[in-house]
Amino acid sequence: MQNLDPKKSVLKESSTEGIEEIPVVGPWLEDVSSLEEVIDYYERIGFQATHLGKAIEIWKKVEAKRAKGEEVRVFLGYTSNIVSSGLREIIAYLVKHKKVDVIVTTAGGVEEDFIKALKPFILGEWSVDDAKMREKGINRIGNIFVPNDRYIEFEKHMIPFFERLLEIEREEKRALTASEIIYKLGKYMDEKLGKEKEKSILYWAYKNDIPIFCPALTDGSFGDMLYFFKEERGDRELIIDIANDIVKLNNLAITAKETASIILGGSFPKHAIINANLFRGGTDYAIYITTAVPWDGSLSGAPPSEGVSWGKIKAKADYVEIWADATLVFPILVWKVMKG
């Protein structure tokens, strides 16, 4: 039998040398009178609340620098499900008020913004008979329903829009980049659509000359409509240039004094942003909001520290990852930074 002192083993002496002793504490509800005051405690609550509190602090730091006229170029990336949800209006607010400078999104992040300016999506249920939904012509994105009449309405606009693009390419004798096409789609909205366009990301990006990049622009309904257009006309002239967009995106990172990368979800919007920042030695600030895990080695789940190993995030960058559903935390984050 070993000569052990059980008490010393259980009550081992501790040392907090080198550790900043910040008490873990939440709001005492008798002492707070608003949600604002509750959120002020987030950084000290622990777990993901602490990460949200740190994200608020980082973004406020970026905003404070920008308010003083210092250049911090803000890159915002998000996947299409973000626009499927009500976060679309929050992003449109940020674009309207020039709180972001560069956007990277998926095809759905472009087309769904346009479609919502025509007809809204419908709040549905998670548990439904999807075969019956198909019979009814209703598409499901989680608990959000999108009836097919939205896409039929979308086609009515896309066909003349593609005709316009074809005329431009013939006149200029060159292919338009995806970001140029998205800019012209915002212009088209300004000319053709009504009041609902004022809650559109594309519309405000066009008005404020904020570039939106989408290397996979054809991977969605936009591509479906392009297929119909080209097949019905036997067209081989209308081309989308993605090569020159990568130059433009990378240079927007390279030429910035400092950059901040705010990324909702994963996929190529996340990589396009941090990879562009690789060319300048990494981004200075990063806020990730994701539900993806890192264990499968995917980029979607890769934490900011992994980006440091690639040189896509600076070793001394101010960064945080919030592991949570963006629909829960992004409204709080934006409100506290912009209004709180």
C-alpha atoms as a PDB file:
ATOM      1  CA  MET A   1       0.000   0.000   0.000  1.00  0.00           C
ATOM      2  CA  GLN A   2       1.313   3.438  -0.967  1.00  0.00           C
ATOM      3  CA  ASN A   3       2.090   5.926   1.774  1.00  0.00           C
ATOM      4  CA  LEU A   4      -0.449   8.590   0.772  1.00  0.00           C
ATOM      5  CA  ASP A   5      -2.009  11.504   2.593  1.00  0.00           C
ATOM      6  CA  PRO A   6      -5.601  11.555   1.235  1.00  0.00           C
ATOM      7  CA  LYS A   7      -6.270  14.993   2.682  1.00  0.00           C
ATOM      8  CA  LYS A   8      -3.296  16.540   0.859  1.00  0.00           C
ATOM      9  CA  SER A   9      -4.392  14.856  -2.344  1.00  0.00           C
ATOM     10  CA  VAL A  10      -7.932  16.250  -2.114  1.00  0.00           C
ATOM     11  CA  LEU A  11      -7.051  19.635  -0.661  1.00  0.00           C
ATOM     12  CA  LYS A  12      -4.013  20.297  -2.822  1.00  0.00           C
ATOM     13  CA  GLU A  13      -2.606  23.774  -2.368  1.00  0.00           C
ATOM     14  CA  SER A  14      -3.358  26.111  -5.252  1.00  0.00           C
ATOM     15  CA  SER A  15      -1.653  29.085  -6.858  1.00  0.00           C
ATOM     16  CA  THR A  16      -3.293  31.719  -9.064  1.00  0.00           C
ATOM     17  CA  GLU A  17       0.012  33.355  -9.929  1.00  0.00           C
ATOM     18  CA  GLY A  18      -0.183  34.711 -13.493  1.00  0.00           C
ATOM     19  CA  ILE A  19      -3.987  34.406 -13.573  1.00  0.00           C
ATOM     20  CA  GLU A  20      -6.150  37.508 -13.521  1.00  0.00           C
ATOM     21  CA  GLU A  21      -8.724  36.799 -10.847  1.00  0.00           C
ATOM     22  CA  ILE A  22     -12.014  37.904 -12.416  1.00  0.00           C
ATOM     23  CA  PRO A  23     -14.953  36.590 -10.379  1.00  0.00           C
ATOM     24  CA  VAL A  24     -17.504  34.434 -12.213  1.00  0.00           C
ATOM     25  CA  VAL A  25     -20.775  36.203 -11.488  1.00  0.00           C
ATOM     26  CA  GLY A  26     -24.128  36.754 -13.120  1.00  0.00           C
ATOM     27  CA  PRO A  27     -26.692  39.499 -12.692  1.00  0.00           C
ATOM     28  CA  TRP A  28     -28.573  39.651  -9.399  1.00  0.00           C
ATOM     29  CA  LEU A  29     -32.007  40.175 -10.888  1.00  0.00           C
ATOM     30  CA  GLU A  30     -33.191  42.332  -8.014  1.00  0.00           C
ATOM     31  CA  ASP A  31     -30.493  44.834  -8.956  1.00  0.00           C
ATOM     32  CA  VAL A  32     -31.064  45.043 -12.722  1.00  0.00           C
ATOM     33  CA  SER A  33     -33.965  46.632 -14.541  1.00  0.00           C
ATOM     34  CA  SER A  34     -33.315  45.894 -18.209  1.00  0.00           C
ATOM     35  CA  LEU A  35     -31.971  43.297 -20.621  1.00  0.00           C
ATOM     36  CA  GLU A  36     -29.166  45.746 -21.371  1.00  0.00           C
ATOM     37  CA  GLU A  37     -27.909  45.463 -17.808  1.00  0.00           C
ATOM     38  CA  VAL A  38     -28.172  41.666 -17.925  1.00  0.00           C
ATOM     39  CA  ILE A  39     -26.051  41.496 -21.082  1.00  0.00           C
ATOM     40  CA  ASP A  40     -23.429  43.676 -19.392  1.00  0.00           C
ATOM     41  CA  TYR A  41     -22.691  40.663 -17.185  1.00  0.00           C
ATOM     42  CA  TYR A  42     -22.123  38.268 -20.101  1.00  0.00           C
ATOM     43  CA  GLU A  43     -18.346  38.459 -20.073  1.00  0.00           C
ATOM     44  CA  ARG A  44     -18.297  37.257 -16.449  1.00  0.00           C
ATOM     45  CA  ILE A  45     -20.982  34.554 -16.679  1.00  0.00           C
ATOM     46  CA  GLY A  46     -18.685  31.943 -18.228  1.00  0.00           C
ATOM     47  CA  PHE A  47     -18.977  29.471 -21.113  1.00  0.00           C
ATOM     48  CA  GLN A  48     -20.291  30.932 -24.394  1.00  0.00           C
ATOM     49  CA  ALA A  49     -21.761  33.989 -22.671  1.00  0.00           C
ATOM     50  CA  THR A  50     -18.189  35.040 -21.873  1.00  0.00           C
ATOM     51  CA  HIS A  51     -17.251  34.610 -25.540  1.00  0.00           C
ATOM     52  CA  LEU A  52     -20.209  36.755 -26.589  1.00  0.00           C
ATOM     53  CA  GLY A  53     -19.124  39.365 -24.063  1.00  0.00           C
ATOM     54  CA  LYS A  54     -15.627  39.343 -25.552  1.00  0.00           C
ATOM     55  CA  ALA A  55     -17.046  39.653 -29.092  1.00  0.00           C
ATOM     56  CA  ILE A  56     -18.961  42.745 -27.997  1.00  0.00           C
ATOM     57  CA  GLU A  57     -15.746  44.194 -26.570  1.00  0.00           C
ATOM     58  CA  ILE A  58     -13.740  43.451 -29.754  1.00  0.00           C
ATOM     59  CA  TRP A  59     -16.324  44.940 -32.119  1.00  0.00           C
ATOM     60  CA  LYS A  60     -16.736  48.013 -29.911  1.00  0.00           C
ATOM     61  CA  LYS A  61     -12.971  48.502 -30.068  1.00  0.00           C
ATOM     62  CA  VAL A  62     -13.135  48.350 -33.873  1.00  0.00           C
ATOM     63  CA  GLU A  63     -16.040  50.818 -33.946  1.00  0.00           C
ATOM     64  CA  ALA A  64     -14.227  53.207 -31.606  1.00  0.00           C
ATOM     65  CA  LYS A  65     -11.203  53.240 -33.913  1.00  0.00           C
ATOM     66  CA  ARG A  66     -13.368  53.830 -36.971  1.00  0.00           C
ATOM     67  CA  ALA A  67     -15.192  56.666 -35.187  1.00  0.00           C
ATOM     68  CA  LYS A  68     -11.823  58.373 -34.669  1.00  0.00           C
ATOM     69  CA  GLY A  69     -11.064  58.103 -38.366  1.00  0.00           C
ATOM     70  CA  GLU A  70      -8.644  55.179 -38.073  1.00  0.00           C
ATOM     71  CA  GLU A  71      -8.890  52.631 -40.871  1.00  0.00           C
ATOM     72  CA  VAL A  72     -10.153  49.217 -39.829  1.00  0.00           C
ATOM     73  CA  ARG A  73     -11.672  47.548 -42.896  1.00  0.00           C
ATOM     74  CA  VAL A  74     -14.493  45.268 -41.766  1.00  0.00           C
ATOM     75  CA  PHE A  75     -15.081  42.028 -43.699  1.00  0.00           C
ATOM     76  CA  LEU A  76     -18.418  40.300 -43.091  1.00  0.00           C
ATOM     77  CA  GLY A  77     -19.005  36.701 -44.171  1.00  0.00           C
ATOM     78  CA  TYR A  78     -22.189  34.652 -43.886  1.00  0.00           C
ATOM     79  CA  THR A  79     -23.848  31.596 -45.390  1.00  0.00           C
ATOM     80  CA  SER A  80     -27.263  31.538 -47.067  1.00  0.00           C
ATOM     81  CA  ASN A  81     -29.177  30.248 -44.032  1.00  0.00           C
ATOM     82  CA  ILE A  82     -28.349  33.521 -42.299  1.00  0.00           C
ATOM     83  CA  VAL A  83     -30.321  35.395 -44.989  1.00  0.00           C
ATOM     84  CA  SER A  84     -33.071  32.754 -44.908  1.00  0.00           C
ATOM     85  CA  SER A  85     -33.612  33.807 -41.302  1.00  0.00           C
ATOM     86  CA  GLY A  86     -34.478  37.197 -39.864  1.00  0.00           C
ATOM     87  CA  LEU A  87     -30.795  38.053 -39.551  1.00  0.00           C
ATOM     88  CA  ARG A  88     -31.105  39.376 -43.095  1.00  0.00           C
ATOM     89  CA  GLU A  89     -32.602  42.642 -41.808  1.00  0.00           C
ATOM     90  CA  ILE A  90     -29.842  43.057 -39.209  1.00  0.00           C
ATOM     91  CA  ILE A  91     -27.177  42.668 -41.894  1.00  0.00           C
ATOM     92  CA  ALA A  92     -29.048  45.132 -44.129  1.00  0.00           C
ATOM     93  CA  TYR A  93     -28.934  47.626 -41.229  1.00  0.00           C
ATOM     94  CA  LEU A  94     -25.161  47.213 -40.938  1.00  0.00           C
ATOM     95  CA  VAL A  95     -24.740  47.748 -44.684  1.00  0.00           C
ATOM     96  CA  LYS A  96     -27.095  50.742 -44.740  1.00  0.00           C
ATOM     97  CA  HIS A  97     -25.095  52.460 -42.001  1.00  0.00           C
ATOM     98  CA  LYS A  98     -21.708  51.494 -43.496  1.00  0.00           C
ATOM     99  CA  LYS A  99     -20.654  49.402 -40.514  1.00  0.00           C
ATOM    100  CA  VAL A 100     -19.088  46.834 -42.853  1.00  0.00           C
ATOM    101  CA  ASP A 101     -16.872  47.408 -45.887  1.00  0.00           C
ATOM    102  CA  VAL A 102     -16.617  44.051 -47.673  1.00  0.00           C
ATOM    103  CA  ILE A 103     -19.086  41.145 -47.827  1.00  0.00           C
ATOM    104  CA  VAL A 104     -18.562  37.529 -48.876  1.00  0.00           C
ATOM    105  CA  THR A 105     -21.570  35.223 -49.080  1.00  0.00           C
ATOM    106  CA  THR A 106     -22.993  32.205 -50.879  1.00  0.00           C
ATOM    107  CA  ALA A 107     -25.398  32.176 -53.832  1.00  0.00           C
ATOM    108  CA  GLY A 108     -28.330  31.773 -51.453  1.00  0.00           C
ATOM    109  CA  GLY A 109     -27.135  34.814 -49.535  1.00  0.00           C
ATOM    110  CA  VAL A 110     -27.581  36.820 -52.748  1.00  0.00           C
ATOM    111  CA  GLU A 111     -30.741  35.393 -54.294  1.00  0.00           C
ATOM    112  CA  GLU A 112     -32.734  34.976 -51.071  1.00  0.00           C
ATOM    113  CA  ASP A 113     -32.177  38.625 -50.217  1.00  0.00           C
ATOM    114  CA  PHE A 114     -33.645  39.556 -53.607  1.00  0.00           C
ATOM    115  CA  ILE A 115     -36.542  37.087 -53.291  1.00  0.00           C
ATOM    116  CA  LYS A 116     -37.487  38.444 -49.856  1.00  0.00           C
ATOM    117  CA  ALA A 117     -37.874  41.870 -51.441  1.00  0.00           C
ATOM    118  CA  LEU A 118     -40.570  40.265 -53.633  1.00  0.00           C
ATOM    119  CA  LYS A 119     -42.343  38.003 -51.115  1.00  0.00           C
ATOM    120  CA  PRO A 120     -41.456  37.019 -47.550  1.00  0.00           C
ATOM    121  CA  PHE A 121     -40.503  33.545 -46.382  1.00  0.00           C
ATOM    122  CA  ILE A 122     -42.942  31.846 -43.988  1.00  0.00           C
ATOM    123  CA  LEU A 123     -42.319  30.638 -40.445  1.00  0.00           C
ATOM    124  CA  GLY A 124     -43.112  26.913 -40.351  1.00  0.00           C
ATOM    125  CA  GLU A 125     -42.252  23.824 -38.283  1.00  0.00           C
ATOM    126  CA  TRP A 126     -39.297  21.464 -37.946  1.00  0.00           C
ATOM    127  CA  SER A 127     -41.447  18.332 -37.915  1.00  0.00           C
ATOM    128  CA  VAL A 128     -43.423  18.051 -41.147  1.00  0.00           C
ATOM    129  CA  ASP A 129     -44.129  15.483 -43.866  1.00  0.00           C
ATOM    130  CA  ASP A 130     -41.533  16.594 -46.408  1.00  0.00           C
ATOM    131  CA  ALA A 131     -42.991  14.408 -49.163  1.00  0.00           C
ATOM    132  CA  LYS A 132     -46.302  16.276 -48.790  1.00  0.00           C
ATOM    133  CA  MET A 133     -44.409  19.567 -48.717  1.00  0.00           C
ATOM    134  CA  ARG A 134     -42.919  18.635 -52.069  1.00  0.00           C
ATOM    135  CA  GLU A 135     -46.386  17.840 -53.467  1.00  0.00           C
ATOM    136  CA  LYS A 136     -47.529  21.299 -52.350  1.00  0.00           C
ATOM    137  CA  GLY A 137     -44.504  22.992 -53.910  1.00  0.00           C
ATOM    138  CA  ILE A 138     -43.167  24.244 -50.583  1.00  0.00           C
ATOM    139  CA  ASN A 139     -39.439  24.123 -49.887  1.00  0.00           C
ATOM    140  CA  ARG A 140     -38.162  23.870 -46.307  1.00  0.00           C
ATOM    141  CA  ILE A 141     -35.107  25.495 -44.719  1.00  0.00           C
ATOM    142  CA  GLY A 142     -35.257  24.130 -41.173  1.00  0.00           C
ATOM    143  CA  ASN A 143     -38.450  25.654 -39.760  1.00  0.00           C
ATOM    144  CA  ILE A 144     -38.669  28.253 -42.539  1.00  0.00           C
ATOM    145  CA  PHE A 145     -40.955  27.559 -45.525  1.00  0.00           C
ATOM    146  CA  VAL A 146     -40.352  28.930 -49.027  1.00  0.00           C
ATOM    147  CA  PRO A 147     -43.254  28.325 -51.448  1.00  0.00           C
ATOM    148  CA  ASN A 148     -42.184  27.826 -55.060  1.00  0.00           C
ATOM    149  CA  ASP A 149     -44.128  30.888 -56.195  1.00  0.00           C
ATOM    150  CA  ARG A 150     -41.236  32.915 -54.779  1.00  0.00           C
ATOM    151  CA  TYR A 151     -38.880  31.332 -57.303  1.00  0.00           C
ATOM    152  CA  ILE A 152     -41.405  31.756 -60.111  1.00  0.00           C
ATOM    153  CA  GLU A 153     -41.545  35.460 -59.268  1.00  0.00           C
ATOM    154  CA  PHE A 154     -37.745  35.514 -59.082  1.00  0.00           C
ATOM    155  CA  GLU A 155     -37.478  34.104 -62.620  1.00  0.00           C
ATOM    156  CA  LYS A 156     -39.677  36.929 -63.939  1.00  0.00           C
ATOM    157  CA  HIS A 157     -36.964  39.347 -62.868  1.00  0.00           C
ATOM    158  CA  MET A 158     -33.877  37.274 -63.617  1.00  0.00           C
ATOM    159  CA  ILE A 159     -34.553  36.685 -67.307  1.00  0.00           C
ATOM    160  CA  PRO A 160     -34.655  40.421 -68.169  1.00  0.00           C
ATOM    161  CA  PHE A 161     -31.748  40.962 -65.780  1.00  0.00           C
ATOM    162  CA  PHE A 162     -29.637  38.407 -67.647  1.00  0.00           C
ATOM    163  CA  GLU A 163     -30.588  40.072 -70.935  1.00  0.00           C
ATOM    164  CA  ARG A 164     -29.300  43.339 -69.484  1.00  0.00           C
ATOM    165  CA  LEU A 165     -26.041  41.686 -68.425  1.00  0.00           C
ATOM    166  CA  LEU A 166     -25.573  40.198 -71.881  1.00  0.00           C
ATOM    167  CA  GLU A 167     -25.958  43.622 -73.471  1.00  0.00           C
ATOM    168  CA  ILE A 168     -23.381  45.099 -71.080  1.00  0.00           C
ATOM    169  CA  GLU A 169     -20.867  42.333 -71.805  1.00  0.00           C
ATOM    170  CA  ARG A 170     -21.344  42.785 -75.536  1.00  0.00           C
ATOM    171  CA  GLU A 171     -20.831  46.536 -75.251  1.00  0.00           C
ATOM    172  CA  GLU A 172     -17.800  46.291 -72.958  1.00  0.00           C
ATOM    173  CA  LYS A 173     -16.444  43.187 -74.744  1.00  0.00           C
ATOM    174  CA  ARG A 174     -15.591  41.464 -71.489  1.00  0.00           C
ATOM    175  CA  ALA A 175     -17.100  39.159 -68.896  1.00  0.00           C
ATOM    176  CA  LEU A 176     -18.425  40.784 -65.723  1.00  0.00           C
ATOM    177  CA  THR A 177     -17.143  39.593 -62.371  1.00  0.00           C
ATOM    178  CA  ALA A 178     -19.546  38.097 -59.823  1.00  0.00           C
ATOM    179  CA  SER A 179     -19.199  41.170 -57.604  1.00  0.00           C
ATOM    180  CA  GLU A 180     -20.034  43.453 -60.554  1.00  0.00           C
ATOM    181  CA  ILE A 181     -23.098  41.340 -61.342  1.00  0.00           C
ATOM    182  CA  ILE A 182     -24.263  41.541 -57.717  1.00  0.00           C
ATOM    183  CA  TYR A 183     -23.734  45.321 -57.774  1.00  0.00           C
ATOM    184  CA  LYS A 184     -25.852  45.556 -60.926  1.00  0.00           C
ATOM    185  CA  LEU A 185     -28.494  43.373 -59.279  1.00  0.00           C
ATOM    186  CA  GLY A 186     -28.671  45.961 -56.496  1.00  0.00           C
ATOM    187  CA  LYS A 187     -29.049  48.670 -59.134  1.00  0.00           C
ATOM    188  CA  TYR A 188     -31.803  46.635 -60.797  1.00  0.00           C
ATOM    189  CA  MET A 189     -33.611  46.432 -57.437  1.00  0.00           C
ATOM    190  CA  ASP A 190     -33.338  50.192 -57.060  1.00  0.00           C
ATOM    191  CA  GLU A 191     -34.968  50.680 -60.467  1.00  0.00           C
ATOM    192  CA  LYS A 192     -37.602  47.940 -60.452  1.00  0.00           C
ATOM    193  CA  LEU A 193     -38.657  47.094 -56.913  1.00  0.00           C
ATOM    194  CA  GLY A 194     -40.767  48.910 -54.348  1.00  0.00           C
ATOM    195  CA  LYS A 195     -40.402  49.881 -50.710  1.00  0.00           C
ATOM    196  CA  GLU A 196     -39.420  46.374 -49.556  1.00  0.00           C
ATOM    197  CA  LYS A 197     -36.019  46.836 -51.218  1.00  0.00           C
ATOM    198  CA  GLU A 198     -35.128  49.199 -48.361  1.00  0.00           C
ATOM    199  CA  LYS A 199     -34.603  46.181 -46.085  1.00  0.00           C
ATOM    200  CA  SER A 200     -32.373  44.504 -48.650  1.00  0.00           C
ATOM    201  CA  ILE A 201     -28.650  43.856 -48.243  1.00  0.00           C
ATOM    202  CA  LEU A 202     -28.051  44.060 -52.018  1.00  0.00           C
ATOM    203  CA  TYR A 203     -29.876  47.366 -52.312  1.00  0.00           C
ATOM    204  CA  TRP A 204     -27.857  49.084 -49.580  1.00  0.00           C
ATOM    205  CA  ALA A 205     -24.603  47.545 -50.799  1.00  0.00           C
ATOM    206  CA  TYR A 206     -25.341  49.099 -54.201  1.00  0.00           C
ATOM    207  CA  LYS A 207     -26.273  52.480 -52.682  1.00  0.00           C
ATOM    208  CA  ASN A 208     -23.149  52.571 -50.496  1.00  0.00           C
ATOM    209  CA  ASP A 209     -20.782  50.936 -53.014  1.00  0.00           C
ATOM    210  CA  ILE A 210     -19.953  48.051 -50.681  1.00  0.00           C
ATOM    211  CA  PRO A 211     -18.695  45.069 -52.713  1.00  0.00           C
ATOM    212  CA  ILE A 212     -20.341  41.668 -52.281  1.00  0.00           C
ATOM    213  CA  PHE A 213     -18.259  38.699 -53.394  1.00  0.00           C
ATOM    214  CA  CYS A 214     -19.674  35.287 -54.252  1.00  0.00           C
ATOM    215  CA  PRO A 215     -17.242  32.910 -55.993  1.00  0.00           C
ATOM    216  CA  ALA A 216     -19.987  30.249 -56.279  1.00  0.00           C
ATOM    217  CA  LEU A 217     -22.732  32.520 -57.578  1.00  0.00           C
ATOM    218  CA  THR A 218     -24.254  29.785 -59.761  1.00  0.00           C
ATOM    219  CA  ASP A 219     -24.719  27.338 -56.853  1.00  0.00           C
ATOM    220  CA  GLY A 220     -28.372  28.117 -56.192  1.00  0.00           C
ATOM    221  CA  SER A 221     -31.524  29.467 -57.765  1.00  0.00           C
ATOM    222  CA  PHE A 222     -29.482  32.171 -59.497  1.00  0.00           C
ATOM    223  CA  GLY A 223     -27.666  29.353 -61.316  1.00  0.00           C
ATOM    224  CA  ASP A 224     -30.966  27.603 -62.079  1.00  0.00           C
ATOM    225  CA  MET A 225     -32.311  30.738 -63.729  1.00  0.00           C
ATOM    226  CA  LEU A 226     -29.048  31.213 -65.592  1.00  0.00           C
ATOM    227  CA  TYR A 227     -29.328  27.634 -66.867  1.00  0.00           C
ATOM    228  CA  PHE A 228     -32.870  28.269 -68.160  1.00  0.00           C
ATOM    229  CA  PHE A 229     -31.744  31.511 -69.802  1.00  0.00           C
ATOM    230  CA  LYS A 230     -28.757  29.968 -71.555  1.00  0.00           C
ATOM    231  CA  GLU A 231     -30.452  26.735 -72.616  1.00  0.00           C
ATOM    232  CA  GLU A 232     -33.608  28.371 -73.968  1.00  0.00           C
ATOM    233  CA  ARG A 233     -31.549  30.821 -76.042  1.00  0.00           C
ATOM    234  CA  GLY A 234     -28.625  28.552 -76.851  1.00  0.00           C
ATOM    235  CA  ASP A 235     -26.500  31.318 -75.319  1.00  0.00           C
ATOM    236  CA  ARG A 236     -22.749  30.904 -74.937  1.00  0.00           C
ATOM    237  CA  GLU A 237     -21.869  34.594 -74.560  1.00  0.00           C
ATOM    238  CA  LEU A 238     -22.963  35.408 -71.011  1.00  0.00           C
ATOM    239  CA  ILE A 239     -19.977  34.577 -68.791  1.00  0.00           C
ATOM    240  CA  ILE A 240     -19.215  35.213 -65.112  1.00  0.00           C
ATOM    241  CA  ASP A 241     -15.599  36.102 -64.337  1.00  0.00           C
ATOM    242  CA  ILE A 242     -14.397  34.874 -60.932  1.00  0.00           C
ATOM    243  CA  ALA A 243     -10.674  35.295 -61.640  1.00  0.00           C
ATOM    244  CA  ASN A 244     -10.601  39.086 -61.407  1.00  0.00           C
ATOM    245  CA  ASP A 245     -12.751  39.054 -58.268  1.00  0.00           C
ATOM    246  CA  ILE A 246     -10.069  37.177 -56.329  1.00  0.00           C
ATOM    247  CA  VAL A 247      -7.626  39.955 -57.206  1.00  0.00           C
ATOM    248  CA  LYS A 248     -10.086  42.603 -56.036  1.00  0.00           C
ATOM    249  CA  LEU A 249     -10.906  40.765 -52.789  1.00  0.00           C
ATOM    250  CA  ASN A 250      -7.278  40.067 -51.892  1.00  0.00           C
ATOM    251  CA  ASN A 251      -6.277  43.662 -52.599  1.00  0.00           C
ATOM    252  CA  LEU A 252      -9.012  44.965 -50.307  1.00  0.00           C
ATOM    253  CA  ALA A 253      -7.249  43.101 -47.509  1.00  0.00           C
ATOM    254  CA  ILE A 254      -3.698  43.958 -48.589  1.00  0.00           C
ATOM    255  CA  THR A 255      -4.332  47.715 -48.844  1.00  0.00           C
ATOM    256  CA  ALA A 256      -6.051  48.061 -45.456  1.00  0.00           C
ATOM    257  CA  LYS A 257      -4.177  49.467 -42.474  1.00  0.00           C
ATOM    258  CA  GLU A 258      -6.071  47.043 -40.210  1.00  0.00           C
ATOM    259  CA  THR A 259      -8.822  44.528 -40.857  1.00  0.00           C
ATOM    260  CA  ALA A 260     -11.604  42.931 -38.838  1.00  0.00           C
ATOM    261  CA  SER A 261     -13.255  39.669 -39.904  1.00  0.00           C
ATOM    262  CA  ILE A 262     -16.773  38.932 -38.642  1.00  0.00           C
ATOM    263  CA  ILE A 263     -17.938  35.532 -39.854  1.00  0.00           C
ATOM    264  CA  LEU A 264     -21.297  33.822 -39.340  1.00  0.00           C
ATOM    265  CA  GLY A 265     -21.079  30.115 -40.109  1.00  0.00           C
ATOM    266  CA  GLY A 266     -18.403  28.481 -42.230  1.00  0.00           C
ATOM    267  CA  SER A 267     -18.077  27.372 -45.845  1.00  0.00           C
ATOM    268  CA  PHE A 268     -16.271  29.430 -48.464  1.00  0.00           C
ATOM    269  CA  PRO A 269     -17.289  32.894 -47.158  1.00  0.00           C
ATOM    270  CA  LYS A 270     -15.205  32.166 -44.059  1.00  0.00           C
ATOM    271  CA  HIS A 271     -12.217  30.906 -46.021  1.00  0.00           C
ATOM    272  CA  ALA A 272     -12.366  33.601 -48.708  1.00  0.00           C
ATOM    273  CA  ILE A 273     -12.115  36.285 -46.021  1.00  0.00           C
ATOM    274  CA  ILE A 274      -9.342  34.818 -43.907  1.00  0.00           C
ATOM    275  CA  ASN A 275      -7.406  33.653 -46.972  1.00  0.00           C
ATOM    276  CA  ALA A 276      -7.503  37.191 -48.399  1.00  0.00           C
ATOM    277  CA  ASN A 277      -6.072  38.347 -45.070  1.00  0.00           C
ATOM    278  CA  LEU A 278      -3.227  35.838 -45.400  1.00  0.00           C
ATOM    279  CA  PHE A 279      -1.770  38.146 -48.085  1.00  0.00           C
ATOM    280  CA  ARG A 280      -1.357  40.903 -45.483  1.00  0.00           C
ATOM    281  CA  GLY A 281      -0.027  38.662 -42.707  1.00  0.00           C
ATOM    282  CA  GLY A 282      -3.392  37.973 -41.107  1.00  0.00           C
ATOM    283  CA  THR A 283      -6.467  39.820 -39.888  1.00  0.00           C
ATOM    284  CA  ASP A 284      -6.158  42.024 -36.783  1.00  0.00           C
ATOM    285  CA  TYR A 285      -9.571  41.238 -35.291  1.00  0.00           C
ATOM    286  CA  ALA A 286     -11.779  38.189 -35.733  1.00  0.00           C
ATOM    287  CA  ILE A 287     -15.202  37.182 -34.459  1.00  0.00           C
ATOM    288  CA  TYR A 288     -16.504  33.742 -35.415  1.00  0.00           C
ATOM    289  CA  ILE A 289     -20.039  32.546 -34.693  1.00  0.00           C
ATOM    290  CA  THR A 290     -20.514  28.882 -35.542  1.00  0.00           C
ATOM    291  CA  THR A 291     -22.098  25.594 -34.519  1.00  0.00           C
ATOM    292  CA  ALA A 292     -19.509  23.520 -36.404  1.00  0.00           C
ATOM    293  CA  VAL A 293     -17.026  21.432 -34.433  1.00  0.00           C
ATOM    294  CA  PRO A 294     -13.290  21.245 -35.216  1.00  0.00           C
ATOM    295  CA  TRP A 295     -12.961  17.485 -34.838  1.00  0.00           C
ATOM    296  CA  ASP A 296     -13.455  16.603 -38.526  1.00  0.00           C
ATOM    297  CA  GLY A 297     -10.788  19.032 -39.727  1.00  0.00           C
ATOM    298  CA  SER A 298     -13.251  21.102 -41.739  1.00  0.00           C
ATOM    299  CA  LEU A 299     -12.709  24.817 -42.176  1.00  0.00           C
ATOM    300  CA  SER A 300     -16.238  25.498 -40.922  1.00  0.00           C
ATOM    301  CA  GLY A 301     -15.286  24.193 -37.484  1.00  0.00           C
ATOM    302  CA  ALA A 302     -11.715  25.499 -37.429  1.00  0.00           C
ATOM    303  CA  PRO A 303     -11.189  27.880 -34.484  1.00  0.00           C
ATOM    304  CA  PRO A 304      -9.369  31.212 -34.881  1.00  0.00           C
ATOM    305  CA  SER A 305      -6.205  29.749 -33.354  1.00  0.00           C
ATOM    306  CA  GLU A 306      -5.971  27.318 -36.290  1.00  0.00           C
ATOM    307  CA  GLY A 307      -6.081  30.316 -38.612  1.00  0.00           C
ATOM    308  CA  VAL A 308      -3.054  31.682 -36.745  1.00  0.00           C
ATOM    309  CA  SER A 309      -1.073  28.590 -37.806  1.00  0.00           C
ATOM    310  CA  TRP A 310      -1.775  29.460 -41.452  1.00  0.00           C
ATOM    311  CA  GLY A 311      -0.980  33.153 -41.076  1.00  0.00           C
ATOM    312  CA  LYS A 312      -4.600  34.072 -41.846  1.00  0.00           C
ATOM    313  CA  ILE A 313      -5.105  35.543 -38.378  1.00  0.00           C
ATOM    314  CA  LYS A 314      -2.265  37.442 -36.717  1.00  0.00           C
ATOM    315  CA  ALA A 315      -0.674  35.773 -33.709  1.00  0.00           C
ATOM    316  CA  LYS A 316      -1.354  38.942 -31.684  1.00  0.00           C
ATOM    317  CA  ALA A 317      -4.841  39.442 -33.135  1.00  0.00           C
ATOM    318  CA  ASP A 318      -7.822  40.096 -30.897  1.00  0.00           C
ATOM    319  CA  TYR A 319     -10.150  37.200 -31.649  1.00  0.00           C
ATOM    320  CA  VAL A 320     -12.942  35.062 -30.247  1.00  0.00           C
ATOM    321  CA  GLU A 321     -15.157  32.208 -31.365  1.00  0.00           C
ATOM    322  CA  ILE A 322     -18.741  31.920 -30.161  1.00  0.00           C
ATOM    323  CA  TRP A 323     -20.023  28.394 -30.467  1.00  0.00           C
ATOM    324  CA  ALA A 324     -23.734  29.064 -30.831  1.00  0.00           C
ATOM    325  CA  ASP A 325     -26.603  29.501 -33.281  1.00  0.00           C
ATOM    326  CA  ALA A 326     -26.096  32.912 -34.885  1.00  0.00           C
ATOM    327  CA  THR A 327     -29.848  33.622 -34.777  1.00  0.00           C
ATOM    328  CA  LEU A 328     -29.594  33.624 -30.990  1.00  0.00           C
ATOM    329  CA  VAL A 329     -26.475  35.699 -30.442  1.00  0.00           C
ATOM    330  CA  PHE A 330     -25.900  37.945 -33.482  1.00  0.00           C
ATOM    331  CA  PRO A 331     -28.862  40.260 -32.731  1.00  0.00           C
ATOM    332  CA  ILE A 332     -27.515  40.739 -29.190  1.00  0.00           C
ATOM    333  CA  LEU A 333     -23.999  41.355 -30.485  1.00  0.00           C
ATOM    334  CA  VAL A 334     -25.086  43.963 -33.040  1.00  0.00           C
ATOM    335  CA  TRP A 335     -27.447  45.703 -30.625  1.00  0.00           C
ATOM    336  CA  LYS A 336     -24.833  46.025 -27.885  1.00  0.00           C
ATOM    337  CA  VAL A 337     -22.179  47.317 -30.291  1.00  0.00           C
ATOM    338  CA  MET A 338     -24.352  49.684 -32.327  1.00  0.00           C
ATOM    339  CA  LYS A 339     -27.002  50.740 -29.822  1.00  0.00           C
ATOM    340  CA  GLY A 340     -25.883  49.705 -26.334  1.00  0.00           C
END
